[in-house]
Amino acid sequence: MFMILKGTKFQVKVWKYLKSIPKGQIRTYFDVAKAIKKPKAVRAVANAIGKNPYAPKIPCHRVIRSDGSLGGYSGKGGINTKRKLLKLEGVLL
């Protein structure tokens, strides 16, 4: 199914990368920044992820902080939903 993403060029780039993170795996905000070739844009990446209106179809729940904490979640239910989604995918934190 084709989804038209509406956001800034940068947001769309981040969101497209999020779709490539396999189920059951996680990345850090820094990992995402490196992957889109903007390693110094960690905060901008976090902001773009926080503005993801397509959660959980675009799996922003698979991105955590470098210190291992969950960070935020823009989808319905906030951080509790993020925790549940990761647990359903077999990610143990």
PDB file of N, CA and C in Angstrom:
ATOM      1  N   MET A   1       0.836  -1.177   0.000  1.00  0.00           N
ATOM      2  CA  MET A   1       0.000   0.000   0.000  1.00  0.00           C
ATOM      3  C   MET A   1       0.880   1.240   0.000  1.00  0.00           C
ATOM      4  N   PHE A   2       0.565   2.183  -0.823  1.00  0.00           N
ATOM      5  CA  PHE A   2       1.333   3.410  -0.969  1.00  0.00           C
ATOM      6  C   PHE A   2       0.780   4.479  -0.043  1.00  0.00           C
ATOM      7  N   MET A   3       1.669   5.130   0.691  1.00  0.00           N
ATOM      8  CA  MET A   3       1.247   6.158   1.633  1.00  0.00           C
ATOM      9  C   MET A   3       1.928   7.475   1.248  1.00  0.00           C
ATOM     10  N   ILE A   4       1.147   8.525   1.089  1.00  0.00           N
ATOM     11  CA  ILE A   4       1.710   9.840   0.814  1.00  0.00           C
ATOM     12  C   ILE A   4       2.019  10.498   2.157  1.00  0.00           C
ATOM     13  N   LEU A   5       3.289  10.820   2.351  1.00  0.00           N
ATOM     14  CA  LEU A   5       3.727  11.423   3.604  1.00  0.00           C
ATOM     15  C   LEU A   5       3.702  12.935   3.482  1.00  0.00           C
ATOM     16  N   LYS A   6       3.050  13.583   4.418  1.00  0.00           N
ATOM     17  CA  LYS A   6       2.972  15.036   4.413  1.00  0.00           C
ATOM     18  C   LYS A   6       3.756  15.598   5.583  1.00  0.00           C
ATOM     19  N   GLY A   7       4.807  16.316   5.261  1.00  0.00           N
ATOM     20  CA  GLY A   7       5.681  16.937   6.239  1.00  0.00           C
ATOM     21  C   GLY A   7       6.772  17.672   5.489  1.00  0.00           C
ATOM     22  N   THR A   8       7.758  18.190   6.220  1.00  0.00           N
ATOM     23  CA  THR A   8       8.888  18.842   5.567  1.00  0.00           C
ATOM     24  C   THR A   8       9.736  17.775   4.874  1.00  0.00           C
ATOM     25  N   LYS A   9      10.634  18.204   3.997  1.00  0.00           N
ATOM     26  CA  LYS A   9      11.528  17.253   3.324  1.00  0.00           C
ATOM     27  C   LYS A   9      12.310  16.437   4.352  1.00  0.00           C
ATOM     28  N   PHE A  10      12.788  17.124   5.376  1.00  0.00           N
ATOM     29  CA  PHE A  10      13.572  16.459   6.414  1.00  0.00           C
ATOM     30  C   PHE A  10      12.722  15.439   7.174  1.00  0.00           C
ATOM     31  N   GLN A  11      11.520  15.828   7.569  1.00  0.00           N
ATOM     32  CA  GLN A  11      10.635  14.903   8.282  1.00  0.00           C
ATOM     33  C   GLN A  11      10.348  13.670   7.442  1.00  0.00           C
ATOM     34  N   VAL A  12      10.036  13.871   6.183  1.00  0.00           N
ATOM     35  CA  VAL A  12       9.724  12.749   5.293  1.00  0.00           C
ATOM     36  C   VAL A  12      10.932  11.824   5.163  1.00  0.00           C
ATOM     37  N   LYS A  13      12.131  12.391   5.085  1.00  0.00           N
ATOM     38  CA  LYS A  13      13.344  11.573   5.003  1.00  0.00           C
ATOM     39  C   LYS A  13      13.487  10.702   6.252  1.00  0.00           C
ATOM     40  N   VAL A  14      13.259  11.304   7.417  1.00  0.00           N
ATOM     41  CA  VAL A  14      13.336  10.557   8.680  1.00  0.00           C
ATOM     42  C   VAL A  14      12.265   9.470   8.707  1.00  0.00           C
ATOM     43  N   TRP A  15      11.040   9.834   8.384  1.00  0.00           N
ATOM     44  CA  TRP A  15       9.929   8.878   8.448  1.00  0.00           C
ATOM     45  C   TRP A  15      10.132   7.721   7.482  1.00  0.00           C
ATOM     46  N   LYS A  16      10.668   7.995   6.308  1.00  0.00           N
ATOM     47  CA  LYS A  16      10.935   6.909   5.349  1.00  0.00           C
ATOM     48  C   LYS A  16      11.973   5.948   5.921  1.00  0.00           C
ATOM     49  N   TYR A  17      12.988   6.486   6.588  1.00  0.00           N
ATOM     50  CA  TYR A  17      13.977   5.608   7.206  1.00  0.00           C
ATOM     51  C   TYR A  17      13.334   4.738   8.291  1.00  0.00           C
ATOM     52  N   LEU A  18      12.462   5.335   9.090  1.00  0.00           N
ATOM     53  CA  LEU A  18      11.810   4.575  10.165  1.00  0.00           C
ATOM     54  C   LEU A  18      11.099   3.341   9.620  1.00  0.00           C
ATOM     55  N   LYS A  19      10.522   3.471   8.430  1.00  0.00           N
ATOM     56  CA  LYS A  19       9.806   2.336   7.824  1.00  0.00           C
ATOM     57  C   LYS A  19      10.752   1.180   7.509  1.00  0.00           C
ATOM     58  N   SER A  20      12.056   1.446   7.417  1.00  0.00           N
ATOM     59  CA  SER A  20      13.019   0.390   7.081  1.00  0.00           C
ATOM     60  C   SER A  20      13.532  -0.370   8.309  1.00  0.00           C
ATOM     61  N   ILE A  21      13.199   0.099   9.508  1.00  0.00           N
ATOM     62  CA  ILE A  21      13.654  -0.592  10.719  1.00  0.00           C
ATOM     63  C   ILE A  21      12.816  -1.856  10.889  1.00  0.00           C
ATOM     64  N   PRO A  22      13.466  -3.020  10.870  1.00  0.00           N
ATOM     65  CA  PRO A  22      12.709  -4.277  10.965  1.00  0.00           C
ATOM     66  C   PRO A  22      11.968  -4.431  12.289  1.00  0.00           C
ATOM     67  N   LYS A  23      10.853  -5.101  12.216  1.00  0.00           N
ATOM     68  CA  LYS A  23      10.066  -5.431  13.411  1.00  0.00           C
ATOM     69  C   LYS A  23      10.958  -6.178  14.390  1.00  0.00           C
ATOM     70  N   GLY A  24      10.868  -5.796  15.664  1.00  0.00           N
ATOM     71  CA  GLY A  24      11.656  -6.466  16.685  1.00  0.00           C
ATOM     72  C   GLY A  24      13.049  -5.893  16.871  1.00  0.00           C
ATOM     73  N   GLN A  25      13.391  -4.851  16.106  1.00  0.00           N
ATOM     74  CA  GLN A  25      14.690  -4.209  16.251  1.00  0.00           C
ATOM     75  C   GLN A  25      14.499  -2.756  16.660  1.00  0.00           C
ATOM     76  N   ILE A  26      15.515  -2.203  17.299  1.00  0.00           N
ATOM     77  CA  ILE A  26      15.458  -0.803  17.699  1.00  0.00           C
ATOM     78  C   ILE A  26      16.682  -0.070  17.174  1.00  0.00           C
ATOM     79  N   ARG A  27      16.562   1.240  17.114  1.00  0.00           N
ATOM     80  CA  ARG A  27      17.651   2.133  16.756  1.00  0.00           C
ATOM     81  C   ARG A  27      17.626   3.298  17.745  1.00  0.00           C
ATOM     82  N   THR A  28      18.742   3.989  17.840  1.00  0.00           N
ATOM     83  CA  THR A  28      18.760   5.204  18.646  1.00  0.00           C
ATOM     84  C   THR A  28      18.507   6.392  17.716  1.00  0.00           C
ATOM     85  N   TYR A  29      18.218   7.534  18.333  1.00  0.00           N
ATOM     86  CA  TYR A  29      18.037   8.752  17.545  1.00  0.00           C
ATOM     87  C   TYR A  29      19.320   9.057  16.770  1.00  0.00           C
ATOM     88  N   PHE A  30      20.467   8.795  17.396  1.00  0.00           N
ATOM     89  CA  PHE A  30      21.752   9.007  16.726  1.00  0.00           C
ATOM     90  C   PHE A  30      21.904   8.052  15.547  1.00  0.00           C
ATOM     91  N   ASP A  31      21.508   6.789  15.702  1.00  0.00           N
ATOM     92  CA  ASP A  31      21.559   5.832  14.594  1.00  0.00           C
ATOM     93  C   ASP A  31      20.764   6.355  13.399  1.00  0.00           C
ATOM     94  N   VAL A  32      19.592   6.890  13.679  1.00  0.00           N
ATOM     95  CA  VAL A  32      18.728   7.418  12.604  1.00  0.00           C
ATOM     96  C   VAL A  32      19.421   8.599  11.937  1.00  0.00           C
ATOM     97  N   ALA A  33      19.980   9.497  12.738  1.00  0.00           N
ATOM     98  CA  ALA A  33      20.670  10.666  12.185  1.00  0.00           C
ATOM     99  C   ALA A  33      21.815  10.242  11.272  1.00  0.00           C
ATOM    100  N   LYS A  34      22.608   9.256  11.713  1.00  0.00           N
ATOM    101  CA  LYS A  34      23.709   8.751  10.872  1.00  0.00           C
ATOM    102  C   LYS A  34      23.178   8.114   9.595  1.00  0.00           C
ATOM    103  N   ALA A  35      22.111   7.350   9.724  1.00  0.00           N
ATOM    104  CA  ALA A  35      21.563   6.620   8.572  1.00  0.00           C
ATOM    105  C   ALA A  35      21.055   7.558   7.469  1.00  0.00           C
ATOM    106  N   ILE A  36      20.562   8.719   7.876  1.00  0.00           N
ATOM    107  CA  ILE A  36      20.073   9.670   6.855  1.00  0.00           C
ATOM    108  C   ILE A  36      21.160  10.681   6.480  1.00  0.00           C
ATOM    109  N   LYS A  37      22.393  10.389   6.915  1.00  0.00           N
ATOM    110  CA  LYS A  37      23.568  11.194   6.582  1.00  0.00           C
ATOM    111  C   LYS A  37      23.530  12.603   7.174  1.00  0.00           C
ATOM    112  N   LYS A  38      22.961  12.703   8.372  1.00  0.00           N
ATOM    113  CA  LYS A  38      22.918  13.965   9.120  1.00  0.00           C
ATOM    114  C   LYS A  38      23.322  13.692  10.566  1.00  0.00           C
ATOM    115  N   PRO A  39      24.560  13.200  10.793  1.00  0.00           N
ATOM    116  CA  PRO A  39      24.951  12.756  12.134  1.00  0.00           C
ATOM    117  C   PRO A  39      24.922  13.836  13.216  1.00  0.00           C
ATOM    118  N   LYS A  40      24.941  15.089  12.837  1.00  0.00           N
ATOM    119  CA  LYS A  40      24.902  16.161  13.840  1.00  0.00           C
ATOM    120  C   LYS A  40      23.480  16.649  14.098  1.00  0.00           C
ATOM    121  N   ALA A  41      22.512  16.037  13.440  1.00  0.00           N
ATOM    122  CA  ALA A  41      21.123  16.490  13.528  1.00  0.00           C
ATOM    123  C   ALA A  41      20.269  15.601  14.436  1.00  0.00           C
ATOM    124  N   VAL A  42      20.851  15.118  15.517  1.00  0.00           N
ATOM    125  CA  VAL A  42      20.132  14.195  16.407  1.00  0.00           C
ATOM    126  C   VAL A  42      18.870  14.845  16.976  1.00  0.00           C
ATOM    127  N   ARG A  43      18.978  16.081  17.417  1.00  0.00           N
ATOM    128  CA  ARG A  43      17.790  16.759  17.970  1.00  0.00           C
ATOM    129  C   ARG A  43      16.729  16.984  16.903  1.00  0.00           C
ATOM    130  N   ALA A  44      17.155  17.336  15.708  1.00  0.00           N
ATOM    131  CA  ALA A  44      16.195  17.533  14.618  1.00  0.00           C
ATOM    132  C   ALA A  44      15.508  16.216  14.268  1.00  0.00           C
ATOM    133  N   VAL A  45      16.268  15.126  14.306  1.00  0.00           N
ATOM    134  CA  VAL A  45      15.694  13.797  14.073  1.00  0.00           C
ATOM    135  C   VAL A  45      14.652  13.497  15.152  1.00  0.00           C
ATOM    136  N   ALA A  46      15.002  13.749  16.402  1.00  0.00           N
ATOM    137  CA  ALA A  46      14.067  13.500  17.505  1.00  0.00           C
ATOM    138  C   ALA A  46      12.801  14.336  17.339  1.00  0.00           C
ATOM    139  N   ASN A  47      12.957  15.586  16.917  1.00  0.00           N
ATOM    140  CA  ASN A  47      11.789  16.445  16.686  1.00  0.00           C
ATOM    141  C   ASN A  47      10.928  15.923  15.551  1.00  0.00           C
ATOM    142  N   ALA A  48      11.560  15.480  14.459  1.00  0.00           N
ATOM    143  CA  ALA A  48      10.810  14.930  13.324  1.00  0.00           C
ATOM    144  C   ALA A  48      10.053  13.670  13.742  1.00  0.00           C
ATOM    145  N   ILE A  49      10.708  12.819  14.525  1.00  0.00           N
ATOM    146  CA  ILE A  49      10.053  11.597  15.002  1.00  0.00           C
ATOM    147  C   ILE A  49       8.886  11.957  15.916  1.00  0.00           C
ATOM    148  N   GLY A  50       9.078  12.962  16.750  1.00  0.00           N
ATOM    149  CA  GLY A  50       8.020  13.406  17.648  1.00  0.00           C
ATOM    150  C   GLY A  50       6.814  13.992  16.937  1.00  0.00           C
ATOM    151  N   LYS A  51       7.007  14.399  15.692  1.00  0.00           N
ATOM    152  CA  LYS A  51       5.909  14.961  14.908  1.00  0.00           C
ATOM    153  C   LYS A  51       5.301  13.937  13.930  1.00  0.00           C
ATOM    154  N   ASN A  52       5.689  12.686  14.072  1.00  0.00           N
ATOM    155  CA  ASN A  52       5.187  11.622  13.200  1.00  0.00           C
ATOM    156  C   ASN A  52       3.680  11.422  13.413  1.00  0.00           C
ATOM    157  N   PRO A  53       2.852  11.839  12.429  1.00  0.00           N
ATOM    158  CA  PRO A  53       1.409  11.669  12.580  1.00  0.00           C
ATOM    159  C   PRO A  53       0.921  10.283  12.136  1.00  0.00           C
ATOM    160  N   TYR A  54       1.839   9.446  11.703  1.00  0.00           N
ATOM    161  CA  TYR A  54       1.473   8.156  11.113  1.00  0.00           C
ATOM    162  C   TYR A  54       1.770   6.964  12.026  1.00  0.00           C
ATOM    163  N   ALA A  55       2.042   7.221  13.301  1.00  0.00           N
ATOM    164  CA  ALA A  55       2.337   6.125  14.236  1.00  0.00           C
ATOM    165  C   ALA A  55       1.083   5.278  14.444  1.00  0.00           C
ATOM    166  N   PRO A  56       1.192   3.986  14.531  1.00  0.00           N
ATOM    167  CA  PRO A  56       2.377   3.140  14.451  1.00  0.00           C
ATOM    168  C   PRO A  56       2.677   2.622  13.050  1.00  0.00           C
ATOM    169  N   LYS A  57       1.931   3.075  12.022  1.00  0.00           N
ATOM    170  CA  LYS A  57       2.242   2.614  10.657  1.00  0.00           C
ATOM    171  C   LYS A  57       3.676   2.949  10.276  1.00  0.00           C
ATOM    172  N   ILE A  58       4.124   4.131  10.653  1.00  0.00           N
ATOM    173  CA  ILE A  58       5.543   4.459  10.564  1.00  0.00           C
ATOM    174  C   ILE A  58       6.064   4.245  11.974  1.00  0.00           C
ATOM    175  N   PRO A  59       6.872   3.194  12.147  1.00  0.00           N
ATOM    176  CA  PRO A  59       7.201   2.688  13.485  1.00  0.00           C
ATOM    177  C   PRO A  59       8.215   3.513  14.276  1.00  0.00           C
ATOM    178  N   CYS A  60       7.808   4.684  14.703  1.00  0.00           N
ATOM    179  CA  CYS A  60       8.692   5.519  15.516  1.00  0.00           C
ATOM    180  C   CYS A  60       8.927   4.902  16.897  1.00  0.00           C
ATOM    181  N   HIS A  61       8.099   3.936  17.272  1.00  0.00           N
ATOM    182  CA  HIS A  61       8.283   3.277  18.569  1.00  0.00           C
ATOM    183  C   HIS A  61       9.578   2.463  18.611  1.00  0.00           C
ATOM    184  N   ARG A  62      10.182   2.230  17.466  1.00  0.00           N
ATOM    185  CA  ARG A  62      11.417   1.449  17.401  1.00  0.00           C
ATOM    186  C   ARG A  62      12.667   2.298  17.614  1.00  0.00           C
ATOM    187  N   VAL A  63      12.486   3.570  17.955  1.00  0.00           N
ATOM    188  CA  VAL A  63      13.626   4.460  18.181  1.00  0.00           C
ATOM    189  C   VAL A  63      13.663   4.860  19.651  1.00  0.00           C
ATOM    190  N   ILE A  64      14.841   4.645  20.257  1.00  0.00           N
ATOM    191  CA  ILE A  64      15.020   4.949  21.678  1.00  0.00           C
ATOM    192  C   ILE A  64      16.223   5.872  21.858  1.00  0.00           C
ATOM    193  N   ARG A  65      16.419   6.314  23.088  1.00  0.00           N
ATOM    194  CA  ARG A  65      17.563   7.174  23.404  1.00  0.00           C
ATOM    195  C   ARG A  65      18.846   6.345  23.503  1.00  0.00           C
ATOM    196  N   SER A  66      19.956   7.014  23.336  1.00  0.00           N
ATOM    197  CA  SER A  66      21.263   6.344  23.426  1.00  0.00           C
ATOM    198  C   SER A  66      21.523   5.736  24.799  1.00  0.00           C
ATOM    199  N   ASP A  67      20.911   6.291  25.838  1.00  0.00           N
ATOM    200  CA  ASP A  67      21.117   5.745  27.188  1.00  0.00           C
ATOM    201  C   ASP A  67      20.226   4.534  27.476  1.00  0.00           C
ATOM    202  N   GLY A  68      19.455   4.110  26.476  1.00  0.00           N
ATOM    203  CA  GLY A  68      18.596   2.934  26.633  1.00  0.00           C
ATOM    204  C   GLY A  68      17.195   3.240  27.106  1.00  0.00           C
ATOM    205  N   SER A  69      16.930   4.490  27.496  1.00  0.00           N
ATOM    206  CA  SER A  69      15.566   4.838  27.908  1.00  0.00           C
ATOM    207  C   SER A  69      14.698   5.027  26.668  1.00  0.00           C
ATOM    208  N   LEU A  70      13.402   4.977  26.869  1.00  0.00           N
ATOM    209  CA  LEU A  70      12.487   4.962  25.735  1.00  0.00           C
ATOM    210  C   LEU A  70      12.356   6.272  24.977  1.00  0.00           C
ATOM    211  N   GLY A  71      12.541   7.392  25.628  1.00  0.00           N
ATOM    212  CA  GLY A  71      12.286   8.668  24.954  1.00  0.00           C
ATOM    213  C   GLY A  71      10.786   8.887  24.917  1.00  0.00           C
ATOM    214  N   GLY A  72      10.296   9.538  23.891  1.00  0.00           N
ATOM    215  CA  GLY A  72       8.864   9.818  23.789  1.00  0.00           C
ATOM    216  C   GLY A  72       8.185   8.960  22.752  1.00  0.00           C
ATOM    217  N   TYR A  73       6.883   9.182  22.596  1.00  0.00           N
ATOM    218  CA  TYR A  73       6.103   8.478  21.578  1.00  0.00           C
ATOM    219  C   TYR A  73       4.945   9.370  21.169  1.00  0.00           C
ATOM    220  N   SER A  74       4.851   9.661  19.870  1.00  0.00           N
ATOM    221  CA  SER A  74       3.836  10.588  19.367  1.00  0.00           C
ATOM    222  C   SER A  74       2.479   9.931  19.143  1.00  0.00           C
ATOM    223  N   GLY A  75       2.429   8.614  19.183  1.00  0.00           N
ATOM    224  CA  GLY A  75       1.180   7.915  18.934  1.00  0.00           C
ATOM    225  C   GLY A  75       0.235   7.951  20.117  1.00  0.00           C
ATOM    226  N   LYS A  76      -0.967   7.470  19.873  1.00  0.00           N
ATOM    227  CA  LYS A  76      -1.992   7.420  20.914  1.00  0.00           C
ATOM    228  C   LYS A  76      -1.502   6.590  22.100  1.00  0.00           C
ATOM    229  N   GLY A  77      -1.694   7.108  23.293  1.00  0.00           N
ATOM    230  CA  GLY A  77      -1.295   6.385  24.495  1.00  0.00           C
ATOM    231  C   GLY A  77       0.106   6.704  24.971  1.00  0.00           C
ATOM    232  N   GLY A  78       0.857   7.484  24.193  1.00  0.00           N
ATOM    233  CA  GLY A  78       2.186   7.912  24.601  1.00  0.00           C
ATOM    234  C   GLY A  78       3.143   6.782  24.903  1.00  0.00           C
ATOM    235  N   ILE A  79       3.985   7.001  25.894  1.00  0.00           N
ATOM    236  CA  ILE A  79       5.079   6.103  26.233  1.00  0.00           C
ATOM    237  C   ILE A  79       4.606   4.701  26.626  1.00  0.00           C
ATOM    238  N   ASN A  80       3.421   4.589  27.239  1.00  0.00           N
ATOM    239  CA  ASN A  80       2.906   3.261  27.600  1.00  0.00           C
ATOM    240  C   ASN A  80       2.621   2.433  26.357  1.00  0.00           C
ATOM    241  N   THR A  81       2.105   3.066  25.319  1.00  0.00           N
ATOM    242  CA  THR A  81       1.862   2.363  24.060  1.00  0.00           C
ATOM    243  C   THR A  81       3.183   1.955  23.419  1.00  0.00           C
ATOM    244  N   LYS A  82       4.178   2.839  23.467  1.00  0.00           N
ATOM    245  CA  LYS A  82       5.501   2.519  22.912  1.00  0.00           C
ATOM    246  C   LYS A  82       6.056   1.271  23.588  1.00  0.00           C
ATOM    247  N   ARG A  83       5.981   1.239  24.903  1.00  0.00           N
ATOM    248  CA  ARG A  83       6.479   0.094  25.670  1.00  0.00           C
ATOM    249  C   ARG A  83       5.743  -1.192  25.249  1.00  0.00           C
ATOM    250  N   LYS A  84       4.418  -1.119  25.120  1.00  0.00           N
ATOM    251  CA  LYS A  84       3.614  -2.285  24.739  1.00  0.00           C
ATOM    252  C   LYS A  84       3.956  -2.768  23.325  1.00  0.00           C
ATOM    253  N   LEU A  85       4.100  -1.822  22.389  1.00  0.00           N
ATOM    254  CA  LEU A  85       4.429  -2.190  21.008  1.00  0.00           C
ATOM    255  C   LEU A  85       5.785  -2.893  20.939  1.00  0.00           C
ATOM    256  N   LEU A  86       6.764  -2.364  21.650  1.00  0.00           N
ATOM    257  CA  LEU A  86       8.089  -2.990  21.653  1.00  0.00           C
ATOM    258  C   LEU A  86       8.029  -4.378  22.278  1.00  0.00           C
ATOM    259  N   LYS A  87       7.276  -4.517  23.355  1.00  0.00           N
ATOM    260  CA  LYS A  87       7.136  -5.825  24.008  1.00  0.00           C
ATOM    261  C   LYS A  87       6.478  -6.828  23.058  1.00  0.00           C
ATOM    262  N   LEU A  88       5.451  -6.391  22.339  1.00  0.00           N
ATOM    263  CA  LEU A  88       4.788  -7.269  21.360  1.00  0.00           C
ATOM    264  C   LEU A  88       5.736  -7.737  20.265  1.00  0.00           C
ATOM    265  N   GLU A  89       6.727  -6.899  19.951  1.00  0.00           N
ATOM    266  CA  GLU A  89       7.720  -7.246  18.922  1.00  0.00           C
ATOM    267  C   GLU A  89       8.887  -8.036  19.493  1.00  0.00           C
ATOM    268  N   GLY A  90       8.850  -8.305  20.798  1.00  0.00           N
ATOM    269  CA  GLY A  90       9.897  -9.098  21.429  1.00  0.00           C
ATOM    270  C   GLY A  90      11.117  -8.317  21.876  1.00  0.00           C
ATOM    271  N   VAL A  91      10.989  -6.982  21.925  1.00  0.00           N
ATOM    272  CA  VAL A  91      12.104  -6.154  22.378  1.00  0.00           C
ATOM    273  C   VAL A  91      12.016  -6.035  23.897  1.00  0.00           C
ATOM    274  N   LEU A  92      13.080  -6.463  24.559  1.00  0.00           N
ATOM    275  CA  LEU A  92      13.132  -6.398  26.007  1.00  0.00           C
ATOM    276  C   LEU A  92      14.015  -5.235  26.420  1.00  0.00           C
ATOM    277  N   LEU A  93      13.465  -4.322  27.198  1.00  0.00           N
ATOM    278  CA  LEU A  93      14.230  -3.155  27.652  1.00  0.00           C
ATOM    279  C   LEU A  93      14.397  -3.177  29.149  1.00  0.00           C
TER     280      LEU A  93
END
